[in-house]
Amino acid sequence: MESILDKLGAAVEFGKVNRNSPYPPQMKDQDGADELAREAIESGVNPTSILSEALVPAMDRVGQKFSENKIFVPQMLMSAKAMGAAMSHLKPFFQSGDVKTKGTFIIGTVKGDLHDIGKNLVAMMVEGGGWSIIDLGVDVNEDTFSQAVADNPGAVVGLSALLTTTMANMEVIVKKIKENHPGTRVLVGGAPLNDDFRAKIGADFYSPDPRGAVEYLKEIAA
């Protein structure tokens, strides 16, 4: 019999948010991530096991398929939404300390830029990898990023930009974070970026897709 964790992993992988969700069609009238996560907790499954045996592997599979162009942004967003539904049941255990997180990840879209799809995808993938997320939103300036690091010592920072015009603001933000909080690791991402730009502005890591960020964070948490 398929275990509750297998079912939950499949719901996240294929973007089945809850029982009422019409997507994906092949899982119509089945419980989604919301119900399955609640059921797992109520039946006594350890929250850490839910994260490490269902959610993390599911988001790994989603990231793999996305990087191989087997699925695209809409499917990935549905998986992220299902992931969020499952995580809402685990959040109290994170906050109480029952589930140990790998660290804190601060993320935001840089000042002047209001795009949030890429940022949201990365946040969900990273959260699915077992990190606590602080999402600063969009149009975030260097002072806000720097303050967030001050409030969360040891956190890793992710900067997102989708416009060539706002890429330049990343340099100002990286400089401020590095000056005020030496040793803080800063990841950058967004459609117009590349690794040369990352090196030029002094950031630590660049990936063209969310999976790369998750893999990098996995390495530094090990």
N, C-alpha and C. Protein backbone atom coordinates (compact mmCIF):
# COMPACT_ATOMS: atom_id res chain seq x y z
N MET A 1 0.84 -1.20 0.00
CA MET A 1 0.00 0.00 0.00
C MET A 1 0.87 1.25 0.00
N GLU A 2 0.46 2.21 -0.80
CA GLU A 2 1.23 3.46 -0.88
C GLU A 2 1.16 4.18 0.46
N SER A 3 2.30 4.57 0.98
CA SER A 3 2.31 5.21 2.29
C SER A 3 1.83 6.66 2.19
N ILE A 4 1.47 7.21 3.33
CA ILE A 4 1.02 8.61 3.38
C ILE A 4 2.11 9.55 2.88
N LEU A 5 3.38 9.21 3.17
CA LEU A 5 4.48 10.08 2.73
C LEU A 5 4.67 9.99 1.21
N ASP A 6 4.46 8.80 0.65
CA ASP A 6 4.54 8.66 -0.81
C ASP A 6 3.44 9.50 -1.48
N LYS A 7 2.24 9.41 -0.90
CA LYS A 7 1.11 10.17 -1.46
C LYS A 7 1.36 11.67 -1.37
N LEU A 8 1.90 12.09 -0.21
CA LEU A 8 2.18 13.51 -0.01
C LEU A 8 3.26 13.98 -1.00
N GLY A 9 4.30 13.17 -1.17
CA GLY A 9 5.35 13.52 -2.13
C GLY A 9 4.81 13.67 -3.54
N ALA A 10 3.91 12.76 -3.92
CA ALA A 10 3.31 12.83 -5.27
C ALA A 10 2.43 14.06 -5.41
N ALA A 11 1.68 14.39 -4.36
CA ALA A 11 0.81 15.58 -4.41
C ALA A 11 1.63 16.84 -4.64
N VAL A 12 2.76 16.94 -3.94
CA VAL A 12 3.63 18.11 -4.11
C VAL A 12 4.28 18.09 -5.50
N GLU A 13 4.79 16.93 -5.88
CA GLU A 13 5.48 16.83 -7.18
C GLU A 13 4.56 17.23 -8.34
N PHE A 14 3.30 16.80 -8.27
CA PHE A 14 2.39 17.06 -9.40
C PHE A 14 1.47 18.27 -9.17
N GLY A 15 1.69 18.97 -8.06
CA GLY A 15 0.97 20.23 -7.85
C GLY A 15 -0.47 20.10 -7.41
N LYS A 16 -0.78 19.03 -6.65
CA LYS A 16 -2.14 18.85 -6.13
C LYS A 16 -2.22 19.54 -4.77
N VAL A 17 -2.79 20.75 -4.75
CA VAL A 17 -2.77 21.58 -3.54
C VAL A 17 -3.69 21.01 -2.47
N ASN A 18 -4.96 20.78 -2.84
CA ASN A 18 -5.92 20.22 -1.88
C ASN A 18 -6.97 19.42 -2.65
N ARG A 19 -7.90 18.83 -1.94
CA ARG A 19 -8.88 17.96 -2.58
C ARG A 19 -9.72 18.70 -3.62
N ASN A 20 -10.01 19.98 -3.36
CA ASN A 20 -10.87 20.76 -4.28
C ASN A 20 -10.13 21.25 -5.52
N SER A 21 -8.82 21.15 -5.50
CA SER A 21 -8.03 21.66 -6.63
C SER A 21 -8.27 20.82 -7.89
N PRO A 22 -8.62 21.46 -9.02
CA PRO A 22 -8.87 20.71 -10.26
C PRO A 22 -7.58 20.24 -10.93
N TYR A 23 -6.45 20.76 -10.46
CA TYR A 23 -5.16 20.44 -11.07
C TYR A 23 -4.39 19.51 -10.15
N PRO A 24 -3.68 18.51 -10.69
CA PRO A 24 -3.70 18.04 -12.08
C PRO A 24 -4.92 17.14 -12.32
N PRO A 25 -5.41 17.10 -13.56
CA PRO A 25 -6.63 16.35 -13.85
C PRO A 25 -6.59 14.88 -13.42
N GLN A 26 -5.41 14.26 -13.53
CA GLN A 26 -5.34 12.83 -13.19
C GLN A 26 -5.49 12.57 -11.69
N MET A 27 -5.45 13.63 -10.86
CA MET A 27 -5.61 13.44 -9.41
C MET A 27 -6.91 14.05 -8.89
N LYS A 28 -7.86 14.21 -9.81
CA LYS A 28 -9.16 14.79 -9.46
C LYS A 28 -9.81 13.96 -8.33
N ASP A 29 -10.42 14.68 -7.38
CA ASP A 29 -11.14 14.05 -6.25
C ASP A 29 -10.23 13.27 -5.30
N GLN A 30 -8.94 13.47 -5.42
CA GLN A 30 -8.01 12.87 -4.44
C GLN A 30 -7.58 13.93 -3.43
N ASP A 31 -7.19 13.48 -2.25
CA ASP A 31 -6.65 14.43 -1.28
C ASP A 31 -5.39 15.08 -1.85
N GLY A 32 -5.17 16.34 -1.46
CA GLY A 32 -3.98 17.05 -1.91
C GLY A 32 -2.97 17.19 -0.78
N ALA A 33 -1.95 18.01 -1.02
CA ALA A 33 -0.87 18.19 -0.04
C ALA A 33 -1.39 18.69 1.30
N ASP A 34 -2.40 19.55 1.25
CA ASP A 34 -2.97 20.12 2.47
C ASP A 34 -3.52 19.01 3.38
N GLU A 35 -4.43 18.20 2.84
CA GLU A 35 -5.05 17.13 3.64
C GLU A 35 -4.04 16.06 4.05
N LEU A 36 -3.15 15.70 3.12
CA LEU A 36 -2.20 14.62 3.39
C LEU A 36 -1.19 15.00 4.47
N ALA A 37 -0.73 16.24 4.45
CA ALA A 37 0.22 16.69 5.49
C ALA A 37 -0.46 16.68 6.86
N ARG A 38 -1.70 17.17 6.87
CA ARG A 38 -2.44 17.18 8.15
C ARG A 38 -2.65 15.74 8.66
N GLU A 39 -3.03 14.87 7.74
CA GLU A 39 -3.27 13.47 8.10
C GLU A 39 -1.99 12.81 8.63
N ALA A 40 -0.87 13.11 7.99
CA ALA A 40 0.41 12.53 8.41
C ALA A 40 0.73 12.95 9.85
N ILE A 41 0.54 14.24 10.14
CA ILE A 41 0.84 14.73 11.49
C ILE A 41 -0.13 14.11 12.51
N GLU A 42 -1.41 14.08 12.14
CA GLU A 42 -2.42 13.53 13.07
C GLU A 42 -2.21 12.05 13.34
N SER A 43 -1.63 11.35 12.36
CA SER A 43 -1.41 9.91 12.56
C SER A 43 -0.06 9.63 13.22
N GLY A 44 0.62 10.71 13.65
CA GLY A 44 1.83 10.53 14.45
C GLY A 44 3.14 10.47 13.68
N VAL A 45 3.11 10.79 12.39
CA VAL A 45 4.37 10.79 11.63
C VAL A 45 5.22 11.98 12.12
N ASN A 46 6.47 11.70 12.36
CA ASN A 46 7.39 12.74 12.83
C ASN A 46 7.50 13.87 11.79
N PRO A 47 7.32 15.15 12.21
CA PRO A 47 7.39 16.26 11.25
C PRO A 47 8.70 16.31 10.47
N THR A 48 9.81 15.92 11.13
CA THR A 48 11.10 15.90 10.43
C THR A 48 11.07 14.88 9.29
N SER A 49 10.42 13.74 9.54
CA SER A 49 10.30 12.70 8.49
C SER A 49 9.44 13.20 7.33
N ILE A 50 8.38 13.94 7.66
CA ILE A 50 7.51 14.49 6.60
C ILE A 50 8.34 15.38 5.68
N LEU A 51 9.19 16.19 6.30
CA LEU A 51 10.03 17.10 5.53
C LEU A 51 11.08 16.33 4.72
N SER A 52 11.81 15.45 5.40
CA SER A 52 12.97 14.82 4.75
C SER A 52 12.61 13.66 3.83
N GLU A 53 11.46 13.00 4.10
CA GLU A 53 11.12 11.82 3.30
C GLU A 53 10.05 12.08 2.25
N ALA A 54 9.31 13.18 2.39
CA ALA A 54 8.26 13.48 1.40
C ALA A 54 8.51 14.79 0.67
N LEU A 55 8.64 15.88 1.43
CA LEU A 55 8.68 17.20 0.79
C LEU A 55 10.00 17.48 0.08
N VAL A 56 11.11 17.24 0.77
CA VAL A 56 12.41 17.52 0.14
C VAL A 56 12.62 16.69 -1.14
N PRO A 57 12.38 15.37 -1.10
CA PRO A 57 12.56 14.59 -2.33
C PRO A 57 11.61 15.03 -3.46
N ALA A 58 10.38 15.43 -3.08
CA ALA A 58 9.41 15.87 -4.10
C ALA A 58 9.90 17.13 -4.79
N MET A 59 10.38 18.10 -4.00
CA MET A 59 10.86 19.34 -4.61
C MET A 59 12.16 19.11 -5.38
N ASP A 60 12.94 18.12 -4.97
CA ASP A 60 14.13 17.73 -5.75
C ASP A 60 13.71 17.26 -7.14
N ARG A 61 12.67 16.42 -7.16
CA ARG A 61 12.20 15.89 -8.45
C ARG A 61 11.64 17.01 -9.32
N VAL A 62 10.93 17.94 -8.70
CA VAL A 62 10.38 19.09 -9.44
C VAL A 62 11.52 19.92 -10.04
N GLY A 63 12.53 20.20 -9.22
CA GLY A 63 13.67 20.98 -9.70
C GLY A 63 14.41 20.29 -10.83
N GLN A 64 14.56 18.98 -10.70
CA GLN A 64 15.23 18.19 -11.74
C GLN A 64 14.45 18.29 -13.06
N LYS A 65 13.13 18.08 -12.97
CA LYS A 65 12.30 18.12 -14.19
C LYS A 65 12.33 19.52 -14.83
N PHE A 66 12.34 20.53 -13.97
CA PHE A 66 12.36 21.91 -14.48
C PHE A 66 13.68 22.19 -15.20
N SER A 67 14.79 21.75 -14.60
CA SER A 67 16.10 22.02 -15.23
C SER A 67 16.28 21.23 -16.52
N GLU A 68 15.50 20.14 -16.67
CA GLU A 68 15.57 19.35 -17.91
C GLU A 68 14.48 19.75 -18.92
N ASN A 69 13.80 20.84 -18.62
CA ASN A 69 12.70 21.34 -19.48
C ASN A 69 11.57 20.33 -19.67
N LYS A 70 11.37 19.47 -18.67
CA LYS A 70 10.26 18.52 -18.74
C LYS A 70 8.97 19.13 -18.18
N ILE A 71 9.14 20.13 -17.31
CA ILE A 71 8.00 20.93 -16.87
C ILE A 71 8.39 22.39 -16.98
N PHE A 72 7.42 23.27 -16.88
CA PHE A 72 7.70 24.71 -17.06
C PHE A 72 7.16 25.49 -15.86
N VAL A 73 7.31 26.80 -15.91
CA VAL A 73 6.99 27.63 -14.74
C VAL A 73 5.58 27.39 -14.19
N PRO A 74 4.52 27.29 -15.01
CA PRO A 74 3.19 27.09 -14.42
C PRO A 74 3.10 25.82 -13.56
N GLN A 75 3.68 24.70 -14.06
CA GLN A 75 3.65 23.46 -13.27
C GLN A 75 4.48 23.61 -11.99
N MET A 76 5.61 24.31 -12.13
CA MET A 76 6.46 24.51 -10.96
C MET A 76 5.76 25.36 -9.91
N LEU A 77 5.01 26.34 -10.37
CA LEU A 77 4.27 27.19 -9.44
C LEU A 77 3.20 26.38 -8.70
N MET A 78 2.56 25.45 -9.39
CA MET A 78 1.56 24.61 -8.74
C MET A 78 2.22 23.70 -7.70
N SER A 79 3.39 23.18 -8.03
CA SER A 79 4.12 22.37 -7.04
C SER A 79 4.51 23.22 -5.83
N ALA A 80 4.94 24.44 -6.10
CA ALA A 80 5.31 25.35 -5.01
C ALA A 80 4.11 25.65 -4.12
N LYS A 81 2.94 25.79 -4.77
CA LYS A 81 1.71 26.06 -4.01
C LYS A 81 1.34 24.86 -3.14
N ALA A 82 1.48 23.66 -3.70
CA ALA A 82 1.21 22.43 -2.93
C ALA A 82 2.20 22.30 -1.77
N MET A 83 3.45 22.64 -2.06
CA MET A 83 4.49 22.62 -1.02
C MET A 83 4.10 23.56 0.12
N GLY A 84 3.63 24.77 -0.24
CA GLY A 84 3.22 25.76 0.76
C GLY A 84 2.08 25.25 1.62
N ALA A 85 1.13 24.54 0.98
CA ALA A 85 -0.01 23.99 1.72
C ALA A 85 0.47 22.96 2.75
N ALA A 86 1.42 22.11 2.34
CA ALA A 86 1.96 21.12 3.27
C ALA A 86 2.77 21.78 4.38
N MET A 87 3.58 22.77 4.01
CA MET A 87 4.45 23.44 4.98
C MET A 87 3.65 24.18 6.05
N SER A 88 2.43 24.63 5.70
CA SER A 88 1.64 25.38 6.69
C SER A 88 1.36 24.50 7.92
N HIS A 89 1.32 23.19 7.72
CA HIS A 89 1.10 22.27 8.85
C HIS A 89 2.39 22.01 9.63
N LEU A 90 3.52 22.24 8.98
CA LEU A 90 4.81 21.98 9.65
C LEU A 90 5.37 23.22 10.34
N LYS A 91 4.90 24.40 9.92
CA LYS A 91 5.47 25.66 10.45
C LYS A 91 5.48 25.70 11.98
N PRO A 92 4.38 25.29 12.65
CA PRO A 92 4.41 25.34 14.13
C PRO A 92 5.55 24.53 14.73
N PHE A 93 5.92 23.45 14.07
CA PHE A 93 7.00 22.60 14.59
C PHE A 93 8.37 23.25 14.36
N PHE A 94 8.49 24.00 13.26
CA PHE A 94 9.71 24.78 13.03
C PHE A 94 9.84 25.82 14.13
N GLN A 95 8.73 26.54 14.37
CA GLN A 95 8.77 27.66 15.32
C GLN A 95 9.02 27.19 16.75
N SER A 96 8.52 25.98 17.09
CA SER A 96 8.70 25.47 18.46
C SER A 96 10.08 24.84 18.63
N GLY A 97 10.76 24.63 17.50
CA GLY A 97 12.09 24.00 17.58
C GLY A 97 12.06 22.49 17.50
N ASP A 98 10.86 21.91 17.34
CA ASP A 98 10.75 20.44 17.23
C ASP A 98 11.41 19.95 15.94
N VAL A 99 11.33 20.80 14.91
CA VAL A 99 12.01 20.45 13.65
C VAL A 99 13.17 21.42 13.48
N LYS A 100 14.35 20.86 13.40
CA LYS A 100 15.55 21.71 13.24
C LYS A 100 15.70 22.11 11.76
N THR A 101 15.83 23.41 11.53
CA THR A 101 16.04 23.86 10.16
C THR A 101 17.55 23.89 9.86
N LYS A 102 17.87 23.92 8.57
CA LYS A 102 19.28 23.93 8.19
C LYS A 102 19.89 25.32 8.33
N GLY A 103 19.03 26.32 8.45
CA GLY A 103 19.51 27.69 8.56
C GLY A 103 18.41 28.64 8.13
N THR A 104 18.77 29.92 8.06
CA THR A 104 17.80 30.94 7.65
C THR A 104 18.21 31.51 6.29
N PHE A 105 17.24 31.64 5.41
CA PHE A 105 17.48 32.17 4.07
C PHE A 105 16.62 33.42 3.88
N ILE A 106 17.30 34.55 3.71
CA ILE A 106 16.61 35.83 3.49
C ILE A 106 16.55 36.07 1.99
N ILE A 107 15.38 36.36 1.47
CA ILE A 107 15.26 36.55 0.02
C ILE A 107 14.40 37.76 -0.30
N GLY A 108 14.72 38.43 -1.41
CA GLY A 108 13.91 39.54 -1.86
C GLY A 108 14.27 39.93 -3.29
N THR A 109 13.33 40.59 -3.95
CA THR A 109 13.61 41.16 -5.27
C THR A 109 14.16 42.56 -5.03
N VAL A 110 15.22 42.90 -5.74
CA VAL A 110 15.96 44.14 -5.44
C VAL A 110 15.16 45.40 -5.79
N LYS A 111 15.61 46.51 -5.21
CA LYS A 111 14.88 47.78 -5.38
C LYS A 111 14.71 48.15 -6.85
N GLY A 112 13.52 48.67 -7.15
CA GLY A 112 13.19 49.05 -8.51
C GLY A 112 12.53 47.94 -9.30
N ASP A 113 12.53 46.73 -8.75
CA ASP A 113 12.01 45.57 -9.49
C ASP A 113 10.82 44.97 -8.73
N LEU A 114 9.71 44.79 -9.43
CA LEU A 114 8.50 44.29 -8.78
C LEU A 114 8.17 42.84 -9.17
N HIS A 115 9.09 42.17 -9.85
CA HIS A 115 8.83 40.79 -10.27
C HIS A 115 9.04 39.83 -9.10
N ASP A 116 8.11 38.91 -8.92
CA ASP A 116 8.27 38.02 -7.77
C ASP A 116 8.13 36.53 -8.07
N ILE A 117 7.85 36.15 -9.32
CA ILE A 117 7.65 34.72 -9.58
C ILE A 117 8.93 33.93 -9.32
N GLY A 118 10.05 34.42 -9.86
CA GLY A 118 11.33 33.72 -9.66
C GLY A 118 11.68 33.66 -8.18
N LYS A 119 11.52 34.77 -7.51
CA LYS A 119 11.81 34.83 -6.07
C LYS A 119 10.95 33.83 -5.30
N ASN A 120 9.67 33.80 -5.62
CA ASN A 120 8.75 32.90 -4.90
C ASN A 120 9.11 31.43 -5.14
N LEU A 121 9.50 31.12 -6.38
CA LEU A 121 9.89 29.74 -6.69
C LEU A 121 11.11 29.33 -5.88
N VAL A 122 12.11 30.20 -5.86
CA VAL A 122 13.33 29.88 -5.11
C VAL A 122 13.00 29.74 -3.63
N ALA A 123 12.19 30.66 -3.10
CA ALA A 123 11.83 30.60 -1.68
C ALA A 123 11.15 29.27 -1.34
N MET A 124 10.23 28.84 -2.21
CA MET A 124 9.52 27.60 -1.94
C MET A 124 10.45 26.39 -2.04
N MET A 125 11.32 26.40 -3.05
CA MET A 125 12.26 25.28 -3.22
C MET A 125 13.20 25.19 -2.02
N VAL A 126 13.70 26.35 -1.58
CA VAL A 126 14.64 26.38 -0.46
C VAL A 126 13.94 25.97 0.83
N GLU A 127 12.71 26.45 1.02
CA GLU A 127 11.94 26.06 2.20
C GLU A 127 11.70 24.55 2.18
N GLY A 128 11.43 24.02 0.99
CA GLY A 128 11.25 22.58 0.83
C GLY A 128 12.52 21.81 1.14
N GLY A 129 13.66 22.50 1.06
CA GLY A 129 14.94 21.87 1.40
C GLY A 129 15.26 21.93 2.88
N GLY A 130 14.32 22.49 3.66
CA GLY A 130 14.50 22.47 5.11
C GLY A 130 15.05 23.74 5.73
N TRP A 131 14.94 24.87 5.02
CA TRP A 131 15.42 26.16 5.55
C TRP A 131 14.25 27.02 6.01
N SER A 132 14.51 27.87 7.00
CA SER A 132 13.53 28.89 7.38
C SER A 132 13.67 30.05 6.40
N ILE A 133 12.54 30.56 5.93
CA ILE A 133 12.56 31.62 4.92
C ILE A 133 12.10 32.95 5.52
N ILE A 134 12.86 34.00 5.21
CA ILE A 134 12.39 35.36 5.49
C ILE A 134 12.27 36.04 4.14
N ASP A 135 11.05 36.24 3.69
CA ASP A 135 10.79 36.83 2.37
C ASP A 135 10.53 38.33 2.55
N LEU A 136 11.44 39.14 2.05
CA LEU A 136 11.32 40.60 2.20
C LEU A 136 10.44 41.22 1.12
N GLY A 137 10.00 40.40 0.15
CA GLY A 137 9.09 40.91 -0.88
C GLY A 137 9.84 41.49 -2.07
N VAL A 138 9.25 42.50 -2.70
CA VAL A 138 9.83 43.11 -3.90
C VAL A 138 10.26 44.55 -3.61
N ASP A 139 11.07 45.10 -4.54
CA ASP A 139 11.51 46.50 -4.42
C ASP A 139 12.22 46.74 -3.07
N VAL A 140 13.15 45.83 -2.75
CA VAL A 140 13.81 45.88 -1.43
C VAL A 140 15.17 46.58 -1.55
N ASN A 141 15.40 47.57 -0.70
CA ASN A 141 16.66 48.32 -0.79
C ASN A 141 17.76 47.72 0.08
N GLU A 142 18.96 48.29 -0.04
CA GLU A 142 20.13 47.72 0.64
C GLU A 142 20.00 47.79 2.16
N ASP A 143 19.36 48.85 2.68
CA ASP A 143 19.23 48.99 4.14
C ASP A 143 18.34 47.89 4.71
N THR A 144 17.26 47.56 3.99
CA THR A 144 16.34 46.52 4.47
C THR A 144 17.03 45.16 4.48
N PHE A 145 17.79 44.87 3.42
CA PHE A 145 18.53 43.60 3.39
C PHE A 145 19.54 43.55 4.53
N SER A 146 20.28 44.63 4.71
CA SER A 146 21.33 44.67 5.73
C SER A 146 20.73 44.50 7.13
N GLN A 147 19.59 45.15 7.37
CA GLN A 147 18.92 45.04 8.67
C GLN A 147 18.44 43.61 8.93
N ALA A 148 17.94 42.97 7.86
CA ALA A 148 17.45 41.59 8.00
C ALA A 148 18.60 40.66 8.39
N VAL A 149 19.79 40.91 7.84
CA VAL A 149 20.96 40.09 8.20
C VAL A 149 21.35 40.37 9.65
N ALA A 150 21.27 41.64 10.05
CA ALA A 150 21.59 42.00 11.44
C ALA A 150 20.64 41.30 12.41
N ASP A 151 19.38 41.19 12.00
CA ASP A 151 18.36 40.55 12.86
C ASP A 151 18.47 39.02 12.85
N ASN A 152 19.16 38.48 11.85
CA ASN A 152 19.27 37.01 11.71
C ASN A 152 20.73 36.62 11.43
N PRO A 153 21.58 36.73 12.43
CA PRO A 153 23.01 36.46 12.21
C PRO A 153 23.23 35.07 11.61
N GLY A 154 24.13 35.03 10.65
CA GLY A 154 24.46 33.75 10.02
C GLY A 154 23.54 33.36 8.88
N ALA A 155 22.53 34.20 8.59
CA ALA A 155 21.61 33.88 7.50
C ALA A 155 22.32 34.00 6.15
N VAL A 156 21.78 33.28 5.17
CA VAL A 156 22.24 33.38 3.78
C VAL A 156 21.24 34.27 3.06
N VAL A 157 21.72 35.08 2.10
CA VAL A 157 20.85 36.04 1.41
C VAL A 157 20.71 35.68 -0.06
N GLY A 158 19.49 35.81 -0.58
CA GLY A 158 19.23 35.62 -2.00
C GLY A 158 18.65 36.88 -2.61
N LEU A 159 19.26 37.36 -3.68
CA LEU A 159 18.78 38.55 -4.39
C LEU A 159 18.25 38.16 -5.76
N SER A 160 17.07 38.70 -6.11
CA SER A 160 16.48 38.39 -7.41
C SER A 160 16.27 39.68 -8.20
N ALA A 161 16.48 39.61 -9.52
CA ALA A 161 16.18 40.73 -10.41
C ALA A 161 15.80 40.17 -11.78
N LEU A 162 14.81 40.79 -12.41
CA LEU A 162 14.39 40.31 -13.72
C LEU A 162 14.69 41.33 -14.82
N LEU A 163 15.06 42.52 -14.41
CA LEU A 163 15.28 43.60 -15.40
C LEU A 163 16.76 43.95 -15.47
N THR A 164 17.23 44.23 -16.68
CA THR A 164 18.63 44.64 -16.81
C THR A 164 18.85 45.96 -16.07
N THR A 165 17.82 46.79 -16.01
CA THR A 165 17.95 48.10 -15.34
C THR A 165 18.09 47.96 -13.83
N THR A 166 17.54 46.88 -13.25
CA THR A 166 17.62 46.73 -11.79
C THR A 166 18.79 45.84 -11.35
N MET A 167 19.41 45.17 -12.32
CA MET A 167 20.60 44.37 -11.99
C MET A 167 21.65 45.20 -11.26
N ALA A 168 21.81 46.43 -11.73
CA ALA A 168 22.85 47.31 -11.16
C ALA A 168 22.63 47.53 -9.67
N ASN A 169 21.37 47.50 -9.24
CA ASN A 169 21.09 47.71 -7.82
C ASN A 169 21.61 46.57 -6.95
N MET A 170 21.80 45.40 -7.58
CA MET A 170 22.34 44.27 -6.84
C MET A 170 23.73 44.59 -6.29
N GLU A 171 24.52 45.28 -7.10
CA GLU A 171 25.89 45.58 -6.69
C GLU A 171 25.91 46.41 -5.41
N VAL A 172 25.02 47.41 -5.34
CA VAL A 172 24.93 48.29 -4.17
C VAL A 172 24.54 47.46 -2.94
N ILE A 173 23.58 46.55 -3.14
CA ILE A 173 23.07 45.74 -2.02
C ILE A 173 24.14 44.76 -1.53
N VAL A 174 24.81 44.10 -2.47
CA VAL A 174 25.87 43.15 -2.08
C VAL A 174 26.96 43.88 -1.30
N LYS A 175 27.34 45.05 -1.80
CA LYS A 175 28.42 45.84 -1.15
C LYS A 175 28.04 46.17 0.29
N LYS A 176 26.80 46.63 0.47
CA LYS A 176 26.34 47.03 1.81
C LYS A 176 26.32 45.82 2.76
N ILE A 177 25.80 44.69 2.27
CA ILE A 177 25.74 43.49 3.12
C ILE A 177 27.15 43.03 3.50
N LYS A 178 28.05 43.01 2.52
CA LYS A 178 29.42 42.53 2.77
C LYS A 178 30.18 43.48 3.71
N GLU A 179 29.92 44.79 3.57
CA GLU A 179 30.58 45.77 4.45
C GLU A 179 30.09 45.64 5.89
N ASN A 180 28.78 45.54 6.04
CA ASN A 180 28.19 45.51 7.39
C ASN A 180 28.25 44.14 8.05
N HIS A 181 28.24 43.09 7.22
CA HIS A 181 28.19 41.73 7.76
C HIS A 181 29.16 40.83 6.98
N PRO A 182 30.46 41.03 7.19
CA PRO A 182 31.45 40.26 6.45
C PRO A 182 31.21 38.75 6.66
N GLY A 183 31.41 37.99 5.60
CA GLY A 183 31.24 36.55 5.72
C GLY A 183 29.84 36.07 5.35
N THR A 184 28.91 37.03 5.19
CA THR A 184 27.55 36.63 4.78
C THR A 184 27.58 36.16 3.33
N ARG A 185 26.97 35.02 3.09
CA ARG A 185 26.92 34.51 1.71
C ARG A 185 25.72 35.08 0.99
N VAL A 186 25.97 35.56 -0.24
CA VAL A 186 24.91 36.18 -1.03
C VAL A 186 24.76 35.43 -2.36
N LEU A 187 23.54 34.96 -2.62
CA LEU A 187 23.22 34.29 -3.88
C LEU A 187 22.45 35.27 -4.75
N VAL A 188 22.70 35.24 -6.06
CA VAL A 188 21.95 36.11 -6.97
C VAL A 188 21.35 35.27 -8.09
N GLY A 189 20.20 35.74 -8.60
CA GLY A 189 19.56 35.04 -9.70
C GLY A 189 18.59 35.93 -10.43
N GLY A 190 18.19 35.49 -11.62
CA GLY A 190 17.28 36.27 -12.44
C GLY A 190 17.65 36.13 -13.90
N ALA A 191 16.67 36.33 -14.76
CA ALA A 191 16.86 36.08 -16.19
C ALA A 191 18.07 36.78 -16.83
N PRO A 192 18.33 38.06 -16.54
CA PRO A 192 19.43 38.72 -17.27
C PRO A 192 20.82 38.46 -16.70
N LEU A 193 20.93 37.73 -15.61
CA LEU A 193 22.22 37.56 -14.95
C LEU A 193 23.05 36.43 -15.55
N ASN A 194 24.34 36.46 -15.24
CA ASN A 194 25.21 35.32 -15.54
C ASN A 194 26.32 35.30 -14.48
N ASP A 195 27.19 34.31 -14.56
CA ASP A 195 28.19 34.16 -13.51
C ASP A 195 29.26 35.25 -13.56
N ASP A 196 29.51 35.79 -14.73
CA ASP A 196 30.48 36.90 -14.83
C ASP A 196 29.97 38.10 -14.05
N PHE A 197 28.68 38.36 -14.18
CA PHE A 197 28.09 39.49 -13.44
C PHE A 197 28.16 39.22 -11.93
N ARG A 198 27.88 37.98 -11.55
CA ARG A 198 27.98 37.61 -10.13
C ARG A 198 29.37 37.90 -9.58
N ALA A 199 30.40 37.51 -10.34
CA ALA A 199 31.78 37.72 -9.90
C ALA A 199 32.08 39.22 -9.81
N LYS A 200 31.59 39.97 -10.79
CA LYS A 200 31.86 41.41 -10.86
C LYS A 200 31.29 42.15 -9.64
N ILE A 201 30.11 41.73 -9.17
CA ILE A 201 29.50 42.47 -8.05
C ILE A 201 29.88 41.89 -6.68
N GLY A 202 30.66 40.80 -6.69
CA GLY A 202 31.15 40.26 -5.42
C GLY A 202 30.18 39.33 -4.70
N ALA A 203 29.18 38.81 -5.42
CA ALA A 203 28.27 37.83 -4.81
C ALA A 203 28.94 36.45 -4.80
N ASP A 204 28.40 35.54 -4.01
CA ASP A 204 29.05 34.24 -3.81
C ASP A 204 28.60 33.15 -4.76
N PHE A 205 27.35 33.26 -5.26
CA PHE A 205 26.83 32.17 -6.07
C PHE A 205 25.76 32.67 -7.02
N TYR A 206 25.74 32.07 -8.21
CA TYR A 206 24.69 32.37 -9.20
C TYR A 206 24.19 31.05 -9.78
N SER A 207 22.90 30.97 -9.98
CA SER A 207 22.34 29.81 -10.69
C SER A 207 21.25 30.28 -11.63
N PRO A 208 21.15 29.67 -12.81
CA PRO A 208 20.09 30.06 -13.74
C PRO A 208 18.72 29.51 -13.35
N ASP A 209 18.69 28.57 -12.39
CA ASP A 209 17.38 28.05 -11.98
C ASP A 209 17.39 27.76 -10.48
N PRO A 210 16.20 27.61 -9.88
CA PRO A 210 16.11 27.44 -8.42
C PRO A 210 16.86 26.22 -7.90
N ARG A 211 16.92 25.19 -8.71
CA ARG A 211 17.57 23.95 -8.25
C ARG A 211 19.03 24.18 -7.87
N GLY A 212 19.71 25.04 -8.65
CA GLY A 212 21.11 25.33 -8.35
C GLY A 212 21.28 25.95 -6.97
N ALA A 213 20.35 26.86 -6.63
CA ALA A 213 20.41 27.50 -5.31
C ALA A 213 20.21 26.47 -4.20
N VAL A 214 19.28 25.56 -4.42
CA VAL A 214 19.00 24.52 -3.42
C VAL A 214 20.23 23.63 -3.23
N GLU A 215 20.87 23.26 -4.34
CA GLU A 215 22.06 22.40 -4.26
C GLU A 215 23.21 23.10 -3.53
N TYR A 216 23.39 24.39 -3.82
CA TYR A 216 24.46 25.17 -3.18
C TYR A 216 24.21 25.24 -1.68
N LEU A 217 22.98 25.51 -1.31
CA LEU A 217 22.64 25.62 0.12
C LEU A 217 22.81 24.27 0.82
N LYS A 218 22.50 23.21 0.10
CA LYS A 218 22.66 21.87 0.67
C LYS A 218 24.13 21.63 1.01
N GLU A 219 25.01 22.08 0.10
CA GLU A 219 26.45 21.91 0.31
C GLU A 219 26.94 22.68 1.53
N ILE A 220 26.49 23.96 1.64
CA ILE A 220 27.03 24.77 2.75
C ILE A 220 26.42 24.37 4.09
N ALA A 221 25.25 23.68 4.05
CA ALA A 221 24.64 23.25 5.32
C ALA A 221 25.21 21.93 5.79
N ALA A 222 25.87 21.23 4.86
CA ALA A 222 26.36 19.88 5.20
C ALA A 222 27.44 19.92 6.27
